[in-house]
């Protein structure tokens, strides 16, 4: 979406073949909510339906409605962390859109038989508006694109009328891949026979009827070169991400870097998240045997999932930094072999 505006939303060009450009001052999230309601009119007549609603909020480009921006310019965060009026405006517009859809469900008599799952796909962005950071993951380290907790610890809210009757907070870990088997179980279904599944239903956690059985959690983020060539100059890759794989078991989290640079100078980082949720103390040198054990688990996981991993560049000279491509060809990735 492009908008010829500095302060608010003016001229809209969605650049989407399936969504006609809107009139001046139309806000994309409002438009999508209306489109969702129209879809409910078509699909939601007391027959099962599934709707994936991505509001484009709170993603870049960072644009809010003028009246909402002015509203949040008058507010301050008592903790002094979240101070971007545009972000406040975008959050409110997202909330408005969800309210629009929920109201439509109630009007059609579907609210009590509809499950709503709300979550984000990654941590906050490093962007700025008028010099002010749009958001923060504090007290967590890292942001979007990072394998630190601030990059992928996100909110998850489930509204399930008739099944989850009391508000409760669950501190157990689940991942986005778990949504697959969770939604299947909610609908009374199971995965197809013989289908590989990297997912565990968290339905029992919603009402507290059972404890989680999974002991380890993996995150594989193979993209993000250690060095990049831009306009002829070779520099270290983005300071918030370099190709990495992580494993979490109990309080321990190991990060394996596939390459190193000035921002990430060591190949392994080990943290005890119960004592150090901000990931400020790398304990890899203090627990070498634990690092080996967790690293073997990463290797087993990559083999089991046939994951693609980055390959060393034989033309790269660390001393001169020569041999860095301006693009990332497909052949730099291959299946992992232990």
Protein backbone atom coordinates (compact mmCIF):
# COMPACT_ATOMS: atom_id res chain seq x y z
CA UNK A 1 0.00 0.00 0.00
CA UNK A 2 1.32 3.45 -0.92
CA UNK A 3 -0.03 6.73 0.36
CA UNK A 4 1.01 10.21 -0.73
CA UNK A 5 0.92 11.59 2.79
CA UNK A 6 3.18 12.52 5.68
CA UNK A 7 0.70 12.79 8.53
CA UNK A 8 -2.35 10.73 7.62
CA UNK A 9 -3.91 8.69 4.82
CA UNK A 10 -4.63 10.59 1.62
CA UNK A 11 -4.29 8.94 -1.80
CA UNK A 12 -4.47 5.15 -1.73
CA UNK A 13 -2.84 2.67 -4.12
CA UNK A 14 -3.19 -0.87 -2.75
CA UNK A 15 -1.17 -2.51 -5.56
CA UNK A 16 -3.36 -5.60 -5.18
CA UNK A 17 -4.99 -7.22 -8.20
CA UNK A 18 -7.80 -8.65 -6.04
CA UNK A 19 -8.63 -5.40 -4.20
CA UNK A 20 -9.70 -2.29 -6.07
CA UNK A 21 -8.09 0.95 -5.01
CA UNK A 22 -10.15 2.85 -2.49
CA UNK A 23 -11.27 6.47 -2.41
CA UNK A 24 -9.22 9.22 -0.83
CA UNK A 25 -8.88 8.80 2.96
CA UNK A 26 -10.02 5.16 2.93
CA UNK A 27 -8.13 3.22 5.58
CA UNK A 28 -7.07 -0.25 4.46
CA UNK A 29 -7.89 -2.00 7.75
CA UNK A 30 -11.43 -0.54 7.71
CA UNK A 31 -11.84 -1.69 4.12
CA UNK A 32 -10.70 -5.21 4.92
CA UNK A 33 -13.12 -5.41 7.85
CA UNK A 34 -15.98 -4.44 5.55
CA UNK A 35 -14.85 -7.02 2.99
CA UNK A 36 -14.77 -9.64 5.76
CA UNK A 37 -18.31 -8.79 6.82
CA UNK A 38 -19.48 -9.09 3.20
CA UNK A 39 -17.85 -12.51 3.04
CA UNK A 40 -19.72 -13.54 6.17
CA UNK A 41 -22.94 -12.61 4.41
CA UNK A 42 -22.04 -15.07 1.64
CA UNK A 43 -20.45 -17.90 3.60
CA UNK A 44 -21.77 -17.65 7.13
CA UNK A 45 -25.37 -18.84 6.88
CA UNK A 46 -25.18 -21.43 9.66
CA UNK A 47 -22.70 -23.61 7.83
CA UNK A 48 -19.07 -24.14 8.84
CA UNK A 49 -16.64 -21.50 7.63
CA UNK A 50 -13.01 -20.55 8.15
CA UNK A 51 -11.82 -16.97 7.84
CA UNK A 52 -8.17 -15.85 7.97
CA UNK A 53 -8.21 -12.10 8.57
CA UNK A 54 -4.91 -10.24 8.21
CA UNK A 55 -5.53 -6.59 9.00
CA UNK A 56 -2.13 -5.29 7.80
CA UNK A 57 -1.88 -3.86 11.31
CA UNK A 58 0.39 -3.08 12.95
CA UNK A 59 2.76 -3.48 10.00
CA UNK A 60 4.66 -0.97 7.93
CA UNK A 61 3.98 1.41 6.29
CA UNK A 62 3.22 3.09 9.60
CA UNK A 63 0.12 5.16 8.91
CA UNK A 64 -2.73 6.08 11.22
CA UNK A 65 -5.91 8.07 10.98
CA UNK A 66 -5.39 11.76 11.72
CA UNK A 67 -7.97 11.86 14.50
CA UNK A 68 -6.46 8.83 16.23
CA UNK A 69 -2.91 10.15 15.91
CA UNK A 70 -3.98 13.41 17.56
CA UNK A 71 -5.67 11.42 20.30
CA UNK A 72 -2.52 9.50 21.17
CA UNK A 73 -0.30 12.56 20.89
CA UNK A 74 -1.98 13.65 24.10
CA UNK A 75 -1.19 10.39 25.90
CA UNK A 76 2.02 9.13 27.46
CA UNK A 77 3.23 5.69 28.46
CA UNK A 78 3.76 5.65 32.25
CA UNK A 79 6.69 3.29 31.65
CA UNK A 80 8.26 5.59 29.07
CA UNK A 81 8.60 2.82 26.47
CA UNK A 82 5.73 3.04 23.98
CA UNK A 83 5.65 6.65 22.80
CA UNK A 84 4.60 6.56 19.13
CA UNK A 85 1.17 8.16 18.51
CA UNK A 86 0.96 6.55 15.07
CA UNK A 87 1.35 3.08 16.58
CA UNK A 88 -1.40 3.85 19.10
CA UNK A 89 -3.62 4.96 16.22
CA UNK A 90 -2.90 1.79 14.25
CA UNK A 91 -3.65 -0.44 17.24
CA UNK A 92 -7.00 1.30 17.74
CA UNK A 93 -7.89 0.85 14.07
CA UNK A 94 -7.07 -2.84 14.33
CA UNK A 95 -9.28 -3.06 17.41
CA UNK A 96 -12.07 -1.26 15.52
CA UNK A 97 -11.82 -3.78 12.69
CA UNK A 98 -12.06 -6.77 15.02
CA UNK A 99 -15.04 -5.11 16.68
CA UNK A 100 -16.70 -4.70 13.29
CA UNK A 101 -16.34 -8.41 12.55
CA UNK A 102 -17.50 -9.48 16.02
CA UNK A 103 -20.56 -7.25 15.72
CA UNK A 104 -21.41 -8.87 12.39
CA UNK A 105 -21.12 -12.32 13.97
CA UNK A 106 -23.50 -11.26 16.73
CA UNK A 107 -26.00 -9.78 14.26
CA UNK A 108 -26.04 -13.03 12.28
CA UNK A 109 -26.44 -15.12 15.44
CA UNK A 110 -23.06 -16.80 14.95
CA UNK A 111 -21.09 -15.32 17.84
CA UNK A 112 -21.77 -18.16 20.28
CA UNK A 113 -20.69 -20.79 17.77
CA UNK A 114 -17.58 -19.11 16.41
CA UNK A 115 -14.02 -19.52 17.70
CA UNK A 116 -11.78 -16.47 17.39
CA UNK A 117 -7.98 -16.84 17.52
CA UNK A 118 -5.91 -13.66 17.71
CA UNK A 119 -2.13 -13.64 17.40
CA UNK A 120 0.84 -11.86 15.85
CA UNK A 121 3.36 -13.44 13.49
CA UNK A 122 6.47 -11.78 14.92
CA UNK A 123 7.76 -9.19 17.33
CA UNK A 124 7.69 -5.40 16.86
CA UNK A 125 9.48 -3.57 14.07
CA UNK A 126 12.55 -1.39 14.38
CA UNK A 127 10.92 1.36 12.29
CA UNK A 128 10.46 4.96 13.33
CA UNK A 129 7.88 7.69 12.73
CA UNK A 130 9.17 11.26 12.94
CA UNK A 131 12.24 9.93 14.70
CA UNK A 132 10.25 8.04 17.35
CA UNK A 133 10.54 4.21 17.51
CA UNK A 134 7.20 2.70 16.57
CA UNK A 135 7.32 0.07 19.29
CA UNK A 136 9.43 -1.89 21.75
CA UNK A 137 9.75 -5.45 22.99
CA UNK A 138 11.19 -4.46 26.36
CA UNK A 139 12.11 -6.14 28.64
CA UNK A 140 12.81 -8.74 25.94
CA UNK A 141 15.84 -8.57 23.66
CA UNK A 142 15.47 -8.30 19.91
CA UNK A 143 12.64 -7.37 17.60
CA UNK A 144 11.15 -8.53 14.31
CA UNK A 145 13.55 -10.74 12.35
CA UNK A 146 15.45 -11.77 15.46
CA UNK A 147 15.65 -15.18 17.13
CA UNK A 148 15.86 -13.49 20.51
CA UNK A 149 12.64 -13.58 22.54
CA UNK A 150 11.59 -10.13 21.36
CA UNK A 151 11.51 -11.45 17.81
CA UNK A 152 9.07 -14.30 18.27
CA UNK A 153 7.38 -14.16 21.68
CA UNK A 154 3.97 -12.80 20.68
CA UNK A 155 0.44 -12.47 22.07
CA UNK A 156 -2.06 -15.30 21.55
CA UNK A 157 -5.69 -14.93 22.57
CA UNK A 158 -8.39 -17.58 22.06
CA UNK A 159 -12.13 -16.89 22.42
CA UNK A 160 -14.13 -20.14 22.45
CA UNK A 161 -17.73 -19.73 23.66
CA UNK A 162 -19.08 -22.74 25.52
CA UNK A 163 -15.68 -24.40 25.95
CA UNK A 164 -13.49 -21.79 27.61
CA UNK A 165 -15.93 -20.28 30.06
CA UNK A 166 -13.55 -18.44 32.36
CA UNK A 167 -10.78 -15.99 31.58
CA UNK A 168 -7.40 -17.52 32.31
CA UNK A 169 -3.76 -16.89 31.46
CA UNK A 170 -1.67 -19.83 30.31
CA UNK A 171 2.11 -19.53 30.60
CA UNK A 172 2.90 -22.72 28.65
CA UNK A 173 4.72 -22.45 25.33
CA UNK A 174 2.99 -23.06 21.99
CA UNK A 175 4.07 -22.20 18.45
CA UNK A 176 2.28 -20.96 15.34
CA UNK A 177 2.56 -24.41 13.72
CA UNK A 178 0.41 -25.73 16.57
CA UNK A 179 -2.55 -23.83 15.16
CA UNK A 180 -3.00 -26.53 12.50
CA UNK A 181 -3.81 -29.48 14.76
CA UNK A 182 -5.50 -27.18 17.29
CA UNK A 183 -8.02 -25.92 14.74
CA UNK A 184 -8.55 -29.45 13.45
CA UNK A 185 -9.35 -30.68 16.97
CA UNK A 186 -11.66 -27.72 17.55
CA UNK A 187 -13.58 -28.75 14.43
CA UNK A 188 -13.66 -32.42 15.45
CA UNK A 189 -11.16 -33.44 12.77
CA UNK A 190 -7.77 -35.16 12.64
CA UNK A 191 -4.85 -34.88 10.20
CA UNK A 192 -4.93 -37.11 7.16
CA UNK A 193 -3.44 -40.57 7.59
CA UNK A 194 0.28 -40.59 6.89
CA UNK A 195 0.54 -36.81 6.81
CA UNK A 196 3.74 -35.47 8.41
CA UNK A 197 2.74 -33.10 11.20
CA UNK A 198 5.00 -30.65 13.01
CA UNK A 199 2.17 -29.50 15.24
CA UNK A 200 0.67 -30.27 18.64
CA UNK A 201 -2.86 -29.26 19.58
CA UNK A 202 -3.04 -26.89 22.52
CA UNK A 203 -6.78 -27.41 23.05
CA UNK A 204 -6.18 -29.08 26.47
CA UNK A 205 -4.29 -25.99 27.63
CA UNK A 206 -7.22 -23.68 26.96
CA UNK A 207 -9.30 -24.94 29.88
CA UNK A 208 -6.39 -26.29 31.92
CA UNK A 209 -7.53 -29.90 31.61
CA UNK A 210 -4.06 -31.18 30.70
CA UNK A 211 -0.43 -30.13 30.92
CA UNK A 212 1.76 -29.83 27.80
CA UNK A 213 3.70 -32.92 26.73
CA UNK A 214 6.20 -31.33 24.36
CA UNK A 215 9.62 -30.81 25.92
CA UNK A 216 11.49 -28.99 23.15
CA UNK A 217 10.73 -26.16 20.74
CA UNK A 218 12.70 -25.27 17.64
CA UNK A 219 12.92 -22.16 15.50
CA UNK A 220 14.72 -22.34 12.16
CA UNK A 221 15.53 -19.00 10.51
CA UNK A 222 17.92 -19.77 7.63
CA UNK A 223 17.79 -16.40 5.88
CA UNK A 224 19.92 -13.41 6.78
CA UNK A 225 23.47 -13.27 5.41
CA UNK A 226 26.37 -12.39 7.67
CA UNK A 227 27.69 -9.95 5.04
CA UNK A 228 25.91 -8.13 2.24
CA UNK A 229 26.93 -6.08 -0.78
CA UNK A 230 24.99 -2.88 -1.26
CA UNK A 231 25.93 -0.22 -3.77
CA UNK A 232 29.34 -1.81 -4.12
CA UNK A 233 30.12 -1.75 -0.40
CA UNK A 234 30.35 -4.91 1.72
CA UNK A 235 29.06 -4.56 5.26
CA UNK A 236 27.86 -6.79 8.09
CA UNK A 237 24.31 -8.05 7.68
CA UNK A 238 21.36 -6.60 9.55
CA UNK A 239 22.16 -6.25 13.28
CA UNK A 240 18.88 -7.92 14.25
CA UNK A 241 19.19 -11.14 12.25
CA UNK A 242 21.70 -13.56 10.82
CA UNK A 243 20.79 -17.09 9.75
CA UNK A 244 20.20 -19.06 12.95
CA UNK A 245 18.47 -22.06 14.50
CA UNK A 246 17.33 -22.26 18.12
CA UNK A 247 16.12 -24.89 20.54
CA UNK A 248 14.28 -24.30 23.80
CA UNK A 249 14.15 -27.02 26.46
CA UNK A 250 12.89 -26.09 29.88
CA UNK A 251 14.55 -22.82 30.90
CA UNK A 252 17.45 -23.29 28.48
CA UNK A 253 17.65 -21.79 25.01
CA UNK A 254 20.52 -22.39 22.58
CA UNK A 255 21.10 -20.26 19.48
CA UNK A 256 23.25 -21.74 16.70
CA UNK A 257 24.48 -19.09 14.26
CA UNK A 258 25.21 -20.31 10.75
CA UNK A 259 27.75 -17.54 10.36
CA UNK A 260 29.23 -14.73 12.45
CA UNK A 261 29.95 -11.04 11.99
CA UNK A 262 30.51 -7.92 14.07
CA UNK A 263 26.99 -8.04 15.45
CA UNK A 264 27.05 -11.77 16.23
CA UNK A 265 30.70 -12.73 16.85
CA UNK A 266 30.18 -16.20 18.37
CA UNK A 267 28.52 -19.30 16.86
CA UNK A 268 26.62 -20.32 20.01
CA UNK A 269 24.59 -18.42 22.59
CA UNK A 270 23.07 -20.12 25.63
CA UNK A 271 20.56 -18.47 27.93
CA UNK A 272 18.57 -19.45 31.02
CA UNK A 273 15.28 -17.71 30.32
CA UNK A 274 13.88 -18.27 33.80
CA UNK A 275 16.70 -16.18 35.26
CA UNK A 276 17.48 -13.99 32.27
CA UNK A 277 14.47 -13.31 30.05
CA UNK A 278 16.32 -10.39 28.46
CA UNK A 279 19.03 -12.78 27.17
CA UNK A 280 21.85 -10.58 28.45
CA UNK A 281 24.24 -13.30 29.73
CA UNK A 282 25.57 -15.82 27.24
CA UNK A 283 26.38 -18.93 29.29
CA UNK A 284 27.75 -21.06 26.44
CA UNK A 285 31.30 -21.08 27.81
CA UNK A 286 30.06 -22.01 31.29
CA UNK A 287 28.05 -25.05 30.13
CA UNK A 288 29.94 -26.61 27.18
CA UNK A 289 28.36 -30.06 27.62
CA UNK A 290 24.86 -28.61 27.62
CA UNK A 291 25.70 -26.69 24.46
CA UNK A 292 26.83 -29.94 22.78
CA UNK A 293 23.67 -31.75 23.90
CA UNK A 294 21.30 -29.05 22.69
CA UNK A 295 23.25 -28.60 19.47
CA UNK A 296 22.85 -32.32 18.72
CA UNK A 297 19.11 -31.86 19.18
CA UNK A 298 19.18 -29.05 16.61
CA UNK A 299 21.04 -31.29 14.13
CA UNK A 300 18.56 -34.15 14.67
CA UNK A 301 15.67 -31.75 14.14
CA UNK A 302 17.12 -30.37 10.90
CA UNK A 303 17.67 -33.89 9.54
CA UNK A 304 14.21 -35.04 10.59
CA UNK A 305 12.50 -32.07 8.93
CA UNK A 306 14.81 -32.05 5.89
CA UNK A 307 15.35 -28.36 6.54
CA UNK A 308 17.29 -26.17 4.12
CA UNK A 309 20.35 -24.50 5.61
CA UNK A 310 22.88 -21.94 4.32
CA UNK A 311 26.10 -23.22 2.80
CA UNK A 312 29.56 -21.65 3.18
CA UNK A 313 30.62 -19.34 0.36
CA UNK A 314 33.99 -20.67 -0.91
CA UNK A 315 34.72 -17.36 -2.64
CA UNK A 316 34.43 -15.24 0.50
CA UNK A 317 37.64 -13.82 1.96
CA UNK A 318 37.09 -12.72 5.60
CA UNK A 319 40.17 -10.47 5.45
CA UNK A 320 39.05 -8.43 2.44
CA UNK A 321 35.34 -9.33 2.53
CA UNK A 322 35.53 -9.94 -1.18
CA UNK A 323 33.39 -12.58 -2.86
CA UNK A 324 30.01 -11.48 -1.48
CA UNK A 325 27.20 -11.67 -4.03
CA UNK A 326 24.70 -8.86 -4.43
CA UNK A 327 21.91 -11.49 -4.52
CA UNK A 328 21.27 -14.77 -2.73
CA UNK A 329 21.15 -17.55 -5.38
CA UNK A 330 19.07 -20.66 -4.59
CA UNK A 331 22.13 -22.91 -4.61
CA UNK A 332 23.42 -21.38 -1.36
CA UNK A 333 20.79 -23.45 0.47
CA UNK A 334 20.72 -27.22 0.70
CA UNK A 335 19.19 -29.89 2.93
CA UNK A 336 20.98 -30.36 6.22
CA UNK A 337 23.14 -33.43 6.69
CA UNK A 338 24.53 -34.32 10.10
